[in-house]
Amino acid sequence: MRQWARRGTRPRQPADQRYKSAYLFGAICPARGIAAGLALPFADTEAMQLHLDEISRHVARRAHAVLLLDRAGWPPPPN
């Protein structure tokens, strides 16, 4: 959204309240054709633990899982 303002000033911009956000956590095993995923309203350490718990329910017994992360930071917590 664009807003014109006089140079050197900082105009107030209302937050767009039309949309809600969701954070997607997902994992796949192409060899077995299975997946595990969660859609959560937040992304933090607790959400990551829920995701790891979900993955662990789908990994075969005595198998290994490799987790690759994209180095994205956690968003600030909601007010």
N, C-alpha and C. Protein backbone atom coordinates (compact mmCIF):
# COMPACT_ATOMS: atom_id res chain seq x y z
N MET A 1 0.84 -1.16 0.00
CA MET A 1 0.00 0.00 0.00
C MET A 1 0.90 1.24 0.00
N ARG A 2 0.65 2.16 -0.89
CA ARG A 2 1.45 3.38 -0.98
C ARG A 2 0.74 4.53 -0.28
N GLN A 3 1.54 5.41 0.25
CA GLN A 3 0.99 6.60 0.88
C GLN A 3 1.98 7.74 0.65
N TRP A 4 1.47 8.86 0.16
CA TRP A 4 2.33 10.01 -0.08
C TRP A 4 2.49 10.81 1.20
N ALA A 5 3.69 11.35 1.39
CA ALA A 5 3.96 12.16 2.57
C ALA A 5 5.04 13.18 2.24
N ARG A 6 5.06 14.23 2.99
CA ARG A 6 6.09 15.26 2.81
C ARG A 6 7.44 14.68 3.18
N ARG A 7 8.46 15.00 2.40
CA ARG A 7 9.80 14.50 2.65
C ARG A 7 10.24 14.86 4.07
N GLY A 8 10.84 13.88 4.74
CA GLY A 8 11.33 14.09 6.10
C GLY A 8 10.30 13.79 7.17
N THR A 9 9.07 13.47 6.78
CA THR A 9 8.05 13.12 7.77
C THR A 9 7.80 11.62 7.73
N ARG A 10 7.20 11.11 8.76
CA ARG A 10 6.86 9.70 8.84
C ARG A 10 5.35 9.58 9.04
N PRO A 11 4.60 9.33 7.97
CA PRO A 11 3.14 9.27 8.10
C PRO A 11 2.70 8.02 8.84
N ARG A 12 1.55 8.08 9.45
CA ARG A 12 0.98 6.91 10.12
C ARG A 12 0.32 6.05 9.06
N GLN A 13 0.57 4.79 9.12
CA GLN A 13 -0.01 3.85 8.17
C GLN A 13 -0.79 2.81 8.96
N PRO A 14 -2.11 2.75 8.77
CA PRO A 14 -2.88 1.74 9.51
C PRO A 14 -2.51 0.34 9.04
N ALA A 15 -2.53 -0.61 9.94
CA ALA A 15 -2.22 -2.00 9.60
C ALA A 15 -3.39 -2.60 8.83
N ASP A 16 -3.06 -3.40 7.85
CA ASP A 16 -4.08 -4.08 7.05
C ASP A 16 -4.63 -5.25 7.86
N GLN A 17 -5.87 -5.18 8.25
CA GLN A 17 -6.50 -6.20 9.10
C GLN A 17 -7.35 -7.19 8.30
N ARG A 18 -7.24 -7.16 6.97
CA ARG A 18 -8.10 -8.01 6.16
C ARG A 18 -7.66 -9.46 6.12
N TYR A 19 -6.43 -9.76 6.50
CA TYR A 19 -5.90 -11.10 6.34
C TYR A 19 -5.36 -11.63 7.66
N LYS A 20 -5.43 -12.92 7.81
CA LYS A 20 -4.81 -13.62 8.94
C LYS A 20 -3.61 -14.38 8.39
N SER A 21 -2.62 -14.61 9.21
CA SER A 21 -1.43 -15.34 8.79
C SER A 21 -1.43 -16.74 9.37
N ALA A 22 -0.77 -17.63 8.67
CA ALA A 22 -0.55 -18.99 9.17
C ALA A 22 0.89 -19.35 8.81
N TYR A 23 1.51 -20.13 9.64
CA TYR A 23 2.86 -20.58 9.42
C TYR A 23 2.80 -22.07 9.12
N LEU A 24 3.41 -22.47 8.01
CA LEU A 24 3.35 -23.85 7.56
C LEU A 24 4.66 -24.57 7.89
N PHE A 25 4.53 -25.70 8.52
CA PHE A 25 5.66 -26.57 8.83
C PHE A 25 5.40 -27.88 8.10
N GLY A 26 6.35 -28.34 7.31
CA GLY A 26 6.12 -29.56 6.56
C GLY A 26 7.38 -30.38 6.37
N ALA A 27 7.17 -31.67 6.18
CA ALA A 27 8.26 -32.60 5.93
C ALA A 27 7.74 -33.69 5.01
N ILE A 28 8.61 -34.21 4.14
CA ILE A 28 8.21 -35.28 3.23
C ILE A 28 9.26 -36.37 3.21
N CYS A 29 8.83 -37.56 2.83
CA CYS A 29 9.72 -38.67 2.57
C CYS A 29 9.39 -39.15 1.16
N PRO A 30 10.16 -38.71 0.16
CA PRO A 30 9.86 -39.12 -1.21
C PRO A 30 9.96 -40.63 -1.42
N ALA A 31 10.87 -41.28 -0.71
CA ALA A 31 11.05 -42.73 -0.88
C ALA A 31 9.81 -43.51 -0.44
N ARG A 32 9.18 -43.08 0.65
CA ARG A 32 8.01 -43.79 1.17
C ARG A 32 6.70 -43.14 0.74
N GLY A 33 6.77 -41.94 0.17
CA GLY A 33 5.55 -41.27 -0.28
C GLY A 33 4.65 -40.80 0.85
N ILE A 34 5.25 -40.39 1.98
CA ILE A 34 4.46 -39.90 3.10
C ILE A 34 4.91 -38.48 3.45
N ALA A 35 4.05 -37.79 4.17
CA ALA A 35 4.35 -36.42 4.57
C ALA A 35 3.78 -36.15 5.95
N ALA A 36 4.33 -35.14 6.60
CA ALA A 36 3.83 -34.67 7.89
C ALA A 36 3.83 -33.15 7.83
N GLY A 37 2.76 -32.54 8.28
CA GLY A 37 2.72 -31.09 8.23
C GLY A 37 1.76 -30.49 9.24
N LEU A 38 2.00 -29.24 9.56
CA LEU A 38 1.17 -28.48 10.48
C LEU A 38 0.97 -27.07 9.94
N ALA A 39 -0.19 -26.52 10.13
CA ALA A 39 -0.46 -25.10 9.87
C ALA A 39 -0.79 -24.48 11.21
N LEU A 40 0.05 -23.54 11.65
CA LEU A 40 -0.09 -22.98 12.99
C LEU A 40 -0.21 -21.46 12.92
N PRO A 41 -0.85 -20.85 13.91
CA PRO A 41 -1.00 -19.39 13.90
C PRO A 41 0.24 -18.66 14.41
N PHE A 42 1.28 -19.40 14.74
CA PHE A 42 2.49 -18.78 15.28
C PHE A 42 3.70 -19.60 14.85
N ALA A 43 4.87 -19.02 14.92
CA ALA A 43 6.12 -19.74 14.63
C ALA A 43 7.11 -19.37 15.72
N ASP A 44 7.37 -20.32 16.59
CA ASP A 44 8.32 -20.10 17.68
C ASP A 44 8.89 -21.45 18.08
N THR A 45 9.60 -21.49 19.18
CA THR A 45 10.23 -22.72 19.62
C THR A 45 9.20 -23.81 19.91
N GLU A 46 8.09 -23.45 20.52
CA GLU A 46 7.04 -24.44 20.81
C GLU A 46 6.45 -25.01 19.53
N ALA A 47 6.25 -24.15 18.51
CA ALA A 47 5.71 -24.62 17.24
C ALA A 47 6.70 -25.58 16.58
N MET A 48 7.98 -25.26 16.63
CA MET A 48 8.99 -26.16 16.07
C MET A 48 8.99 -27.50 16.79
N GLN A 49 8.80 -27.49 18.10
CA GLN A 49 8.76 -28.75 18.84
C GLN A 49 7.55 -29.57 18.42
N LEU A 50 6.39 -28.92 18.19
CA LEU A 50 5.22 -29.64 17.69
C LEU A 50 5.52 -30.27 16.34
N HIS A 51 6.24 -29.54 15.50
CA HIS A 51 6.60 -30.05 14.18
C HIS A 51 7.54 -31.26 14.30
N LEU A 52 8.54 -31.16 15.17
CA LEU A 52 9.46 -32.28 15.37
C LEU A 52 8.73 -33.51 15.92
N ASP A 53 7.77 -33.27 16.82
CA ASP A 53 6.96 -34.38 17.36
C ASP A 53 6.15 -35.04 16.25
N GLU A 54 5.60 -34.22 15.35
CA GLU A 54 4.81 -34.74 14.23
C GLU A 54 5.69 -35.56 13.29
N ILE A 55 6.88 -35.06 12.99
CA ILE A 55 7.80 -35.81 12.14
C ILE A 55 8.15 -37.14 12.79
N SER A 56 8.43 -37.14 14.08
CA SER A 56 8.85 -38.37 14.76
C SER A 56 7.75 -39.43 14.75
N ARG A 57 6.50 -39.03 14.64
CA ARG A 57 5.41 -40.01 14.55
C ARG A 57 5.39 -40.72 13.19
N HIS A 58 6.01 -40.13 12.18
CA HIS A 58 5.96 -40.68 10.83
C HIS A 58 7.26 -41.33 10.37
N VAL A 59 8.35 -41.16 11.10
CA VAL A 59 9.62 -41.77 10.73
C VAL A 59 9.57 -43.24 11.14
N ALA A 60 9.98 -44.10 10.22
CA ALA A 60 9.96 -45.55 10.49
C ALA A 60 10.89 -45.89 11.65
N ARG A 61 10.52 -46.91 12.37
CA ARG A 61 11.35 -47.36 13.49
C ARG A 61 12.75 -47.72 12.99
N ARG A 62 13.75 -47.31 13.73
CA ARG A 62 15.17 -47.53 13.43
C ARG A 62 15.64 -46.79 12.17
N ALA A 63 14.87 -45.85 11.70
CA ALA A 63 15.26 -45.04 10.53
C ALA A 63 15.79 -43.70 11.03
N HIS A 64 16.48 -42.99 10.17
CA HIS A 64 17.00 -41.67 10.49
C HIS A 64 16.25 -40.62 9.69
N ALA A 65 16.13 -39.44 10.24
CA ALA A 65 15.52 -38.31 9.54
C ALA A 65 16.56 -37.19 9.48
N VAL A 66 16.59 -36.52 8.37
CA VAL A 66 17.47 -35.37 8.19
C VAL A 66 16.59 -34.14 8.08
N LEU A 67 16.88 -33.13 8.85
CA LEU A 67 16.08 -31.91 8.87
C LEU A 67 16.91 -30.77 8.30
N LEU A 68 16.43 -30.15 7.24
CA LEU A 68 17.09 -29.00 6.62
C LEU A 68 16.24 -27.77 6.90
N LEU A 69 16.86 -26.73 7.44
CA LEU A 69 16.15 -25.50 7.75
C LEU A 69 16.62 -24.39 6.83
N ASP A 70 15.75 -23.43 6.55
CA ASP A 70 16.08 -22.35 5.61
C ASP A 70 16.69 -21.13 6.27
N ARG A 71 17.00 -21.21 7.53
CA ARG A 71 17.62 -20.13 8.31
C ARG A 71 16.72 -18.91 8.46
N ALA A 72 15.44 -19.08 8.24
CA ALA A 72 14.50 -17.97 8.45
C ALA A 72 14.39 -17.72 9.95
N GLY A 73 14.30 -16.46 10.34
CA GLY A 73 14.15 -16.13 11.75
C GLY A 73 12.69 -16.22 12.18
N TRP A 74 12.49 -16.36 13.47
CA TRP A 74 11.12 -16.37 13.99
C TRP A 74 10.56 -14.94 13.91
N PRO A 75 9.30 -14.81 13.58
CA PRO A 75 8.70 -13.48 13.58
C PRO A 75 8.53 -12.99 15.02
N PRO A 76 8.37 -11.70 15.24
CA PRO A 76 8.16 -11.22 16.61
C PRO A 76 6.84 -11.76 17.14
N PRO A 77 6.75 -12.00 18.45
CA PRO A 77 5.50 -12.51 19.01
C PRO A 77 4.38 -11.51 18.88
N PRO A 78 3.11 -12.00 18.77
CA PRO A 78 1.99 -11.07 18.68
C PRO A 78 1.82 -10.29 19.97
N ASN A 79 1.27 -9.11 19.86
CA ASN A 79 1.07 -8.27 21.07
C ASN A 79 -0.11 -8.74 21.86
